[in-house]
Amino acid sequence: MDIVVEQRKFTLRSEFDISTPLGNFRAEKQLLSLGDKIQLLAGNAVIARIKSRFFVFRPKYDFELSDGTVYRFRCTKAWKRVFAREGNGKCYWLYEHKGVRYSIFDGDRQIAAFTKNRIKIGKGDRYELRANSDANITVIICLVLTVDVTENEGDQESVTVDLGRIGPEERKFDESWEPD
């Protein structure tokens, strides 16, 4: 399944349009909030909230889904950019790779991969995802939005070129991976 998360280019707060095979969503960051607070919406219904936790060096966020499930998103290896998202008896891993590529694992099984645009105008980040058909779309979208907030918040220049990650990788990007 293909998912596109696209940030609106010229807005006061971060706003995203999200297209999936299951329908369209949107996300918006609260204006003037202490700590990042992003709402993921289907129509006018809030289906998830992303809240920042106090951190000094490693980002920490909580995802609160509309069914009451709470997931903890933590950076486990800052140098190699590895994140864990735990909750509801599951552990998802998000790996940042060289360039502008990322992969998401459910335990040891890869369930999604995404890329970020290199050149953007205004805020205009764009993420293109490929995910397994059985992957939890809400959780995957929350992961992408959290990556955007931790890495790209404050980008407001007219044109930005992202050279991507050049540091060490915990896990190599699997070029041959295809979604189920």
C-alpha atoms as a PDB file:
ATOM      1  CA  MET A   1       0.000   0.000   0.000  1.00  0.00           C
ATOM      2  CA  ASP A   2       1.250   3.476  -0.881  1.00  0.00           C
ATOM      3  CA  ILE A   3       0.851   6.432   1.473  1.00  0.00           C
ATOM      4  CA  VAL A   4       1.856  10.067   0.910  1.00  0.00           C
ATOM      5  CA  VAL A   5       2.311  12.525   3.787  1.00  0.00           C
ATOM      6  CA  GLU A   6       2.720  16.056   2.467  1.00  0.00           C
ATOM      7  CA  GLN A   7       3.256  19.148   4.574  1.00  0.00           C
ATOM      8  CA  ARG A   8       1.526  22.322   3.467  1.00  0.00           C
ATOM      9  CA  LYS A   9       4.169  24.759   2.280  1.00  0.00           C
ATOM     10  CA  PHE A  10       3.152  28.123   3.679  1.00  0.00           C
ATOM     11  CA  THR A  11       1.210  27.960   6.953  1.00  0.00           C
ATOM     12  CA  LEU A  12       1.771  29.376  10.427  1.00  0.00           C
ATOM     13  CA  ARG A  13       1.632  25.956  12.038  1.00  0.00           C
ATOM     14  CA  SER A  14       2.643  22.598  10.625  1.00  0.00           C
ATOM     15  CA  GLU A  15      -0.237  21.056   8.665  1.00  0.00           C
ATOM     16  CA  PHE A  16      -0.174  17.845   6.623  1.00  0.00           C
ATOM     17  CA  ASP A  17      -2.373  16.243   3.976  1.00  0.00           C
ATOM     18  CA  ILE A  18      -2.197  12.449   3.994  1.00  0.00           C
ATOM     19  CA  SER A  19      -3.482  10.178   1.244  1.00  0.00           C
ATOM     20  CA  THR A  20      -3.868   6.427   1.726  1.00  0.00           C
ATOM     21  CA  PRO A  21      -5.801   3.661  -0.032  1.00  0.00           C
ATOM     22  CA  LEU A  22      -8.206   3.757   2.943  1.00  0.00           C
ATOM     23  CA  GLY A  23      -8.989   7.447   2.516  1.00  0.00           C
ATOM     24  CA  ASN A  24      -7.541  10.863   3.196  1.00  0.00           C
ATOM     25  CA  PHE A  25      -6.385  12.173   6.556  1.00  0.00           C
ATOM     26  CA  ARG A  26      -4.862  15.382   7.790  1.00  0.00           C
ATOM     27  CA  ALA A  27      -2.613  16.323  10.666  1.00  0.00           C
ATOM     28  CA  GLU A  28      -1.991  19.618  12.375  1.00  0.00           C
ATOM     29  CA  LYS A  29       0.336  20.842  15.064  1.00  0.00           C
ATOM     30  CA  GLN A  30      -1.129  23.050  17.750  1.00  0.00           C
ATOM     31  CA  LEU A  31      -0.024  26.643  17.514  1.00  0.00           C
ATOM     32  CA  LEU A  32       1.901  28.007  20.526  1.00  0.00           C
ATOM     33  CA  SER A  33       2.008  24.772  22.508  1.00  0.00           C
ATOM     34  CA  LEU A  34       4.571  23.748  25.103  1.00  0.00           C
ATOM     35  CA  GLY A  35       5.913  20.530  23.661  1.00  0.00           C
ATOM     36  CA  ASP A  36       4.847  19.254  20.296  1.00  0.00           C
ATOM     37  CA  LYS A  37       1.184  18.316  20.075  1.00  0.00           C
ATOM     38  CA  ILE A  38       0.026  16.969  16.761  1.00  0.00           C
ATOM     39  CA  GLN A  39      -3.443  15.701  15.999  1.00  0.00           C
ATOM     40  CA  LEU A  40      -4.123  13.137  13.275  1.00  0.00           C
ATOM     41  CA  LEU A  41      -7.652  13.564  11.941  1.00  0.00           C
ATOM     42  CA  ALA A  42     -10.066  11.642   9.722  1.00  0.00           C
ATOM     43  CA  GLY A  43     -12.602  14.290   8.784  1.00  0.00           C
ATOM     44  CA  ASN A  44     -13.192  16.125  12.073  1.00  0.00           C
ATOM     45  CA  ALA A  45     -12.547  13.072  14.259  1.00  0.00           C
ATOM     46  CA  VAL A  46      -9.231  12.889  16.115  1.00  0.00           C
ATOM     47  CA  ILE A  47      -7.786   9.400  15.613  1.00  0.00           C
ATOM     48  CA  ALA A  48      -4.399  10.002  17.285  1.00  0.00           C
ATOM     49  CA  ARG A  49      -2.458  12.590  19.251  1.00  0.00           C
ATOM     50  CA  ILE A  50       1.321  12.890  19.384  1.00  0.00           C
ATOM     51  CA  LYS A  51       2.695  14.533  22.524  1.00  0.00           C
ATOM     52  CA  SER A  52       6.286  15.467  23.270  1.00  0.00           C
ATOM     53  CA  ARG A  53       7.820  14.386  26.564  1.00  0.00           C
ATOM     54  CA  PHE A  54      10.612  16.299  28.237  1.00  0.00           C
ATOM     55  CA  PHE A  55      13.993  15.222  26.871  1.00  0.00           C
ATOM     56  CA  VAL A  56      17.545  16.512  26.923  1.00  0.00           C
ATOM     57  CA  PHE A  57      19.364  14.553  24.208  1.00  0.00           C
ATOM     58  CA  ARG A  58      17.071  11.842  22.892  1.00  0.00           C
ATOM     59  CA  PRO A  59      13.554  12.588  21.622  1.00  0.00           C
ATOM     60  CA  LYS A  60      10.603  11.104  23.545  1.00  0.00           C
ATOM     61  CA  TYR A  61       6.997  11.150  22.356  1.00  0.00           C
ATOM     62  CA  ASP A  62       3.741   9.448  23.262  1.00  0.00           C
ATOM     63  CA  PHE A  63       1.174   8.426  20.661  1.00  0.00           C
ATOM     64  CA  GLU A  64      -2.375   8.304  22.041  1.00  0.00           C
ATOM     65  CA  LEU A  65      -4.783   6.530  19.700  1.00  0.00           C
ATOM     66  CA  SER A  66      -8.531   7.118  19.807  1.00  0.00           C
ATOM     67  CA  ASP A  67      -9.107   3.584  21.173  1.00  0.00           C
ATOM     68  CA  GLY A  68      -7.117   4.523  24.307  1.00  0.00           C
ATOM     69  CA  THR A  69      -3.901   2.727  23.334  1.00  0.00           C
ATOM     70  CA  VAL A  70      -0.739   4.621  24.217  1.00  0.00           C
ATOM     71  CA  TYR A  71       2.588   3.973  22.488  1.00  0.00           C
ATOM     72  CA  ARG A  72       5.932   5.278  23.722  1.00  0.00           C
ATOM     73  CA  PHE A  73       8.321   6.540  21.020  1.00  0.00           C
ATOM     74  CA  ARG A  74      11.947   6.827  22.143  1.00  0.00           C
ATOM     75  CA  CYS A  75      15.321   7.326  20.517  1.00  0.00           C
ATOM     76  CA  THR A  76      17.390   4.304  21.571  1.00  0.00           C
ATOM     77  CA  LYS A  77      20.592   5.080  19.663  1.00  0.00           C
ATOM     78  CA  ALA A  78      21.112   8.771  18.922  1.00  0.00           C
ATOM     79  CA  TRP A  79      24.331   8.348  16.912  1.00  0.00           C
ATOM     80  CA  LYS A  80      22.877   5.692  14.596  1.00  0.00           C
ATOM     81  CA  ARG A  81      19.336   7.161  14.646  1.00  0.00           C
ATOM     82  CA  VAL A  82      17.351   4.163  15.883  1.00  0.00           C
ATOM     83  CA  PHE A  83      13.933   4.649  17.477  1.00  0.00           C
ATOM     84  CA  ALA A  84      11.668   2.229  19.326  1.00  0.00           C
ATOM     85  CA  ARG A  85       7.904   2.550  19.622  1.00  0.00           C
ATOM     86  CA  GLU A  86       6.476   0.316  22.325  1.00  0.00           C
ATOM     87  CA  GLY A  87       2.947  -0.283  23.503  1.00  0.00           C
ATOM     88  CA  ASN A  88       0.041  -2.691  23.337  1.00  0.00           C
ATOM     89  CA  GLY A  89       2.477  -5.627  23.636  1.00  0.00           C
ATOM     90  CA  LYS A  90       4.329  -4.713  20.428  1.00  0.00           C
ATOM     91  CA  CYS A  91       7.649  -3.087  19.616  1.00  0.00           C
ATOM     92  CA  TYR A  92       8.170  -1.262  16.344  1.00  0.00           C
ATOM     93  CA  TRP A  93      11.636  -0.111  15.251  1.00  0.00           C
ATOM     94  CA  LEU A  94      12.325   2.870  13.030  1.00  0.00           C
ATOM     95  CA  TYR A  95      15.753   3.033  11.371  1.00  0.00           C
ATOM     96  CA  GLU A  96      17.173   6.082   9.648  1.00  0.00           C
ATOM     97  CA  HIS A  97      19.464   5.143   6.752  1.00  0.00           C
ATOM     98  CA  LYS A  98      22.007   6.986   4.644  1.00  0.00           C
ATOM     99  CA  GLY A  99      20.426   9.643   2.454  1.00  0.00           C
ATOM    100  CA  VAL A 100      16.751  10.372   3.058  1.00  0.00           C
ATOM    101  CA  ARG A 101      15.485   6.806   3.610  1.00  0.00           C
ATOM    102  CA  TYR A 102      13.847   5.125   6.586  1.00  0.00           C
ATOM    103  CA  SER A 103      12.494   1.669   7.375  1.00  0.00           C
ATOM    104  CA  ILE A 104       9.991   0.432   9.958  1.00  0.00           C
ATOM    105  CA  PHE A 105      10.085  -3.039  11.506  1.00  0.00           C
ATOM    106  CA  ASP A 106       7.568  -4.942  13.616  1.00  0.00           C
ATOM    107  CA  GLY A 107      10.037  -6.948  15.674  1.00  0.00           C
ATOM    108  CA  ASP A 108      12.393  -8.424  13.045  1.00  0.00           C
ATOM    109  CA  ARG A 109       9.926  -8.151  10.136  1.00  0.00           C
ATOM    110  CA  GLN A 110      10.042  -5.071   7.902  1.00  0.00           C
ATOM    111  CA  ILE A 111       6.539  -3.648   7.439  1.00  0.00           C
ATOM    112  CA  ALA A 112       7.226  -0.272   5.789  1.00  0.00           C
ATOM    113  CA  ALA A 113       9.809   1.989   4.168  1.00  0.00           C
ATOM    114  CA  PHE A 114       9.692   5.660   3.313  1.00  0.00           C
ATOM    115  CA  THR A 115      11.694   8.435   1.746  1.00  0.00           C
ATOM    116  CA  LYS A 116      11.719  12.185   2.252  1.00  0.00           C
ATOM    117  CA  ASN A 117      12.052  14.772  -0.506  1.00  0.00           C
ATOM    118  CA  ARG A 118      15.510  16.329  -0.888  1.00  0.00           C
ATOM    119  CA  ILE A 119      14.384  19.733  -2.158  1.00  0.00           C
ATOM    120  CA  LYS A 120      11.494  21.611  -0.606  1.00  0.00           C
ATOM    121  CA  ILE A 121       9.869  24.988  -0.848  1.00  0.00           C
ATOM    122  CA  GLY A 122       8.723  26.577   2.409  1.00  0.00           C
ATOM    123  CA  LYS A 123       7.866  23.927   4.968  1.00  0.00           C
ATOM    124  CA  GLY A 124       6.867  21.468   2.185  1.00  0.00           C
ATOM    125  CA  ASP A 125       8.250  18.143   3.467  1.00  0.00           C
ATOM    126  CA  ARG A 126       6.919  15.159   1.512  1.00  0.00           C
ATOM    127  CA  TYR A 127       7.152  11.553   2.633  1.00  0.00           C
ATOM    128  CA  GLU A 128       6.386   8.650   0.298  1.00  0.00           C
ATOM    129  CA  LEU A 129       5.679   5.396   2.091  1.00  0.00           C
ATOM    130  CA  ARG A 130       5.254   1.811   1.037  1.00  0.00           C
ATOM    131  CA  ALA A 131       3.728  -0.477   3.651  1.00  0.00           C
ATOM    132  CA  ASN A 132       2.476  -4.027   4.039  1.00  0.00           C
ATOM    133  CA  SER A 133      -1.286  -4.359   3.641  1.00  0.00           C
ATOM    134  CA  ASP A 134      -1.634  -5.553   7.262  1.00  0.00           C
ATOM    135  CA  ALA A 135       0.421  -2.687   8.762  1.00  0.00           C
ATOM    136  CA  ASN A 136      -1.253  -0.323  11.225  1.00  0.00           C
ATOM    137  CA  ILE A 137      -1.571   2.831   9.104  1.00  0.00           C
ATOM    138  CA  THR A 138      -2.251   5.086  12.103  1.00  0.00           C
ATOM    139  CA  VAL A 139       0.956   4.028  13.860  1.00  0.00           C
ATOM    140  CA  ILE A 140       3.025   4.357  10.669  1.00  0.00           C
ATOM    141  CA  ILE A 141       1.690   7.853   9.976  1.00  0.00           C
ATOM    142  CA  CYS A 142       2.429   8.861  13.592  1.00  0.00           C
ATOM    143  CA  LEU A 143       6.013   7.624  13.149  1.00  0.00           C
ATOM    144  CA  VAL A 144       6.453   9.726  10.007  1.00  0.00           C
ATOM    145  CA  LEU A 145       4.970  12.833  11.658  1.00  0.00           C
ATOM    146  CA  THR A 146       7.282  12.366  14.640  1.00  0.00           C
ATOM    147  CA  VAL A 147      10.316  12.082  12.351  1.00  0.00           C
ATOM    148  CA  ASP A 148       9.252  15.341  10.738  1.00  0.00           C
ATOM    149  CA  VAL A 149       8.914  17.126  14.079  1.00  0.00           C
ATOM    150  CA  THR A 150      12.223  15.828  15.478  1.00  0.00           C
ATOM    151  CA  GLU A 151      14.268  16.590  12.365  1.00  0.00           C
ATOM    152  CA  ASN A 152      12.610  19.336  10.351  1.00  0.00           C
ATOM    153  CA  GLU A 153      10.685  21.586  12.695  1.00  0.00           C
ATOM    154  CA  GLY A 154      11.587  25.202  12.206  1.00  0.00           C
ATOM    155  CA  ASP A 155      12.480  24.835   8.518  1.00  0.00           C
ATOM    156  CA  GLN A 156      10.816  27.905   6.986  1.00  0.00           C
ATOM    157  CA  GLU A 157      13.281  29.027   4.348  1.00  0.00           C
ATOM    158  CA  SER A 158      12.030  29.548   0.838  1.00  0.00           C
ATOM    159  CA  VAL A 159      14.101  26.672  -0.610  1.00  0.00           C
ATOM    160  CA  THR A 160      15.870  23.964   1.403  1.00  0.00           C
ATOM    161  CA  VAL A 161      18.121  21.173   0.130  1.00  0.00           C
ATOM    162  CA  ASP A 162      18.410  18.137   2.429  1.00  0.00           C
ATOM    163  CA  LEU A 163      21.665  16.272   1.849  1.00  0.00           C
ATOM    164  CA  GLY A 164      20.430  13.422   4.016  1.00  0.00           C
ATOM    165  CA  ARG A 165      22.121  11.346   6.645  1.00  0.00           C
ATOM    166  CA  ILE A 166      25.804  10.581   6.199  1.00  0.00           C
ATOM    167  CA  GLY A 167      26.651   8.972   9.563  1.00  0.00           C
ATOM    168  CA  PRO A 168      26.773   5.321  10.594  1.00  0.00           C
ATOM    169  CA  GLU A 169      23.747   3.041  10.174  1.00  0.00           C
ATOM    170  CA  GLU A 170      22.469   0.454  12.618  1.00  0.00           C
ATOM    171  CA  ARG A 171      20.978  -1.518   9.741  1.00  0.00           C
ATOM    172  CA  LYS A 172      21.498  -1.157   5.981  1.00  0.00           C
ATOM    173  CA  PHE A 173      18.513  -0.147   3.867  1.00  0.00           C
ATOM    174  CA  ASP A 174      17.098  -3.210   2.093  1.00  0.00           C
ATOM    175  CA  GLU A 175      16.816  -2.205  -1.573  1.00  0.00           C
ATOM    176  CA  SER A 176      15.044  -5.470  -2.427  1.00  0.00           C
ATOM    177  CA  TRP A 177      12.240  -5.141   0.162  1.00  0.00           C
ATOM    178  CA  GLU A 178       8.730  -5.059  -1.279  1.00  0.00           C
ATOM    179  CA  PRO A 179       5.492  -4.708   0.715  1.00  0.00           C
ATOM    180  CA  ASP A 180       3.185  -7.740   1.136  1.00  0.00           C
END
